[in-house]
Amino acid sequence: EVQLVESGGGLVQAGGSLRLSCAASGFTFDDYAIGWFRQAPGKEREGVSCISNDDGRTYYADSVKGRFTISSDNAKNTVYLQMNGLKPEDTAVYYCAAISVVTFWDNSWSREDEYDYWGQGTQVAVSS
């Protein structure tokens, strides 16, 4: 059974940090790219970051560049999203998702309809 389980969300003050984790199981981790998406109340889900586990390529939305860092521990089948300098506008439910590297290409990392598997999400709230 394929599972993606997010953890690490919570409430933090503006300027603070959180580290999200996405633990994957049920598929060959190295054959997938893992993306992070977020959805704020009343807004559409948007791509935040992605890492391709076969070659380590990383991608970031402009809104998080320089503040967020994505990394992968292939031995633990886990992807992390280190979020520093958090802002109130980062408040959202954060989801991780997996896409096969066979169908993955540079411009698809932020397209949620391209992803095969999704986690249940973890809430991040940033107070001003």
Protein backbone atom coordinates (compact mmCIF):
# COMPACT_ATOMS: atom_id res chain seq x y z
CA GLU A 1 0.00 0.00 0.00
CA VAL A 2 1.35 3.39 -1.00
CA GLN A 3 1.55 5.87 1.85
CA LEU A 4 2.82 9.42 2.19
CA VAL A 5 2.67 10.71 5.73
CA GLU A 6 3.40 14.34 6.51
CA SER A 7 4.44 15.59 9.94
CA GLY A 8 6.03 18.62 11.56
CA GLY A 9 3.34 21.21 11.12
CA GLY A 10 2.28 23.54 13.90
CA LEU A 11 1.85 27.10 15.06
CA VAL A 12 4.84 29.44 14.88
CA GLN A 13 5.41 33.17 15.08
CA ALA A 14 6.44 35.15 12.04
CA GLY A 15 10.15 34.82 11.43
CA GLY A 16 10.23 31.38 12.97
CA SER A 17 11.07 27.99 11.48
CA LEU A 18 9.50 24.60 11.00
CA ARG A 19 10.69 21.41 9.39
CA LEU A 20 8.12 19.27 7.62
CA SER A 21 8.72 15.60 6.94
CA CYS A 22 7.17 13.34 4.32
CA ALA A 23 7.65 9.64 5.01
CA ALA A 24 7.02 7.46 1.97
CA SER A 25 6.31 3.75 1.71
CA GLY A 26 4.86 1.27 -0.75
CA PHE A 27 6.81 2.34 -3.82
CA THR A 28 10.42 2.60 -5.00
CA PHE A 29 11.48 5.92 -3.52
CA ASP A 30 14.39 6.54 -5.91
CA ASP A 31 12.03 6.28 -8.90
CA TYR A 32 9.92 9.21 -7.80
CA ALA A 33 10.09 12.94 -7.35
CA ILE A 34 8.46 14.29 -4.21
CA GLY A 35 6.71 17.62 -4.25
CA TRP A 36 5.34 19.85 -1.53
CA PHE A 37 2.13 21.73 -2.15
CA ARG A 38 0.09 23.98 0.08
CA GLN A 39 -3.47 25.21 0.21
CA ALA A 40 -4.55 28.25 2.17
CA PRO A 41 -8.21 28.84 3.08
CA GLY A 42 -10.14 30.05 0.07
CA LYS A 43 -7.22 29.60 -2.28
CA GLU A 44 -6.15 27.02 -4.81
CA ARG A 45 -3.47 24.50 -3.99
CA GLU A 46 -0.05 25.65 -5.17
CA GLY A 47 3.32 24.02 -5.66
CA VAL A 48 5.95 24.99 -3.11
CA SER A 49 8.96 22.82 -3.83
CA CYS A 50 10.02 19.52 -5.35
CA ILE A 51 13.00 17.19 -5.33
CA SER A 52 13.73 14.47 -7.84
CA ASN A 53 15.09 11.48 -5.96
CA ASP A 54 16.93 10.02 -8.94
CA ASP A 55 19.26 12.95 -9.54
CA GLY A 56 18.61 15.44 -6.77
CA ARG A 57 17.21 18.27 -8.88
CA THR A 58 15.28 20.74 -6.78
CA TYR A 59 12.61 23.27 -7.60
CA TYR A 60 11.08 26.15 -5.65
CA ALA A 61 8.23 28.55 -6.03
CA ASP A 62 9.41 32.16 -6.24
CA SER A 63 7.52 32.95 -3.04
CA VAL A 64 9.70 30.60 -0.96
CA LYS A 65 13.10 30.81 -2.66
CA GLY A 66 15.81 31.65 -0.17
CA ARG A 67 13.60 30.72 2.80
CA PHE A 68 12.65 27.08 2.23
CA THR A 69 15.00 24.17 1.56
CA ILE A 70 13.94 20.75 0.35
CA SER A 71 16.08 17.68 0.98
CA SER A 72 15.78 13.94 0.76
CA ASP A 73 17.10 11.06 2.84
CA ASN A 74 16.85 8.14 0.46
CA ALA A 75 17.91 5.69 3.18
CA LYS A 76 14.88 6.70 5.23
CA ASN A 77 12.51 7.24 2.29
CA THR A 78 11.80 10.67 3.70
CA VAL A 79 11.74 14.15 2.21
CA TYR A 80 12.09 17.24 4.36
CA LEU A 81 11.03 20.82 3.87
CA GLN A 82 12.96 23.20 6.08
CA MET A 83 11.01 26.43 6.33
CA ASN A 84 12.79 29.49 7.71
CA GLY A 85 11.70 33.09 7.89
CA LEU A 86 8.05 32.07 7.97
CA LYS A 87 5.45 34.68 7.12
CA PRO A 88 1.73 34.80 7.87
CA GLU A 89 1.07 34.20 4.18
CA ASP A 90 2.76 30.81 4.50
CA THR A 91 -0.20 29.65 6.60
CA ALA A 92 -1.77 26.68 4.83
CA VAL A 93 -2.23 22.94 4.84
CA TYR A 94 0.94 21.45 3.40
CA TYR A 95 0.79 18.26 1.36
CA CYS A 96 3.49 16.05 -0.07
CA ALA A 97 2.94 14.14 -3.27
CA ALA A 98 4.87 11.70 -5.45
CA ILE A 99 5.33 11.63 -9.20
CA SER A 100 7.18 8.97 -11.19
CA VAL A 101 10.45 10.23 -12.68
CA VAL A 102 9.39 8.51 -15.89
CA THR A 103 6.69 11.13 -16.40
CA PHE A 104 8.40 13.93 -14.51
CA TRP A 105 9.89 16.89 -16.38
CA ASP A 106 11.08 20.30 -15.29
CA ASN A 107 7.86 22.14 -16.04
CA SER A 108 5.62 19.56 -14.38
CA TRP A 109 6.89 19.87 -10.82
CA SER A 110 4.18 22.32 -9.76
CA ARG A 111 1.30 20.75 -11.67
CA GLU A 112 -0.72 18.83 -9.10
CA ASP A 113 -2.60 16.85 -11.74
CA GLU A 114 0.68 15.19 -12.74
CA TYR A 115 1.21 13.57 -9.32
CA ASP A 116 0.36 9.95 -8.59
CA TYR A 117 0.11 9.81 -4.80
CA TRP A 118 -0.77 12.29 -2.07
CA GLY A 119 -0.47 12.55 1.68
CA GLN A 120 -3.19 13.72 4.04
CA GLY A 121 -1.61 17.09 4.80
CA THR A 122 -0.24 18.90 7.84
CA GLN A 123 -1.35 22.31 9.06
CA VAL A 124 1.11 25.19 9.27
CA ALA A 125 -0.04 28.39 10.95
CA VAL A 126 2.12 31.49 11.19
CA SER A 127 1.05 34.27 13.51
CA SER A 128 1.98 37.90 12.98
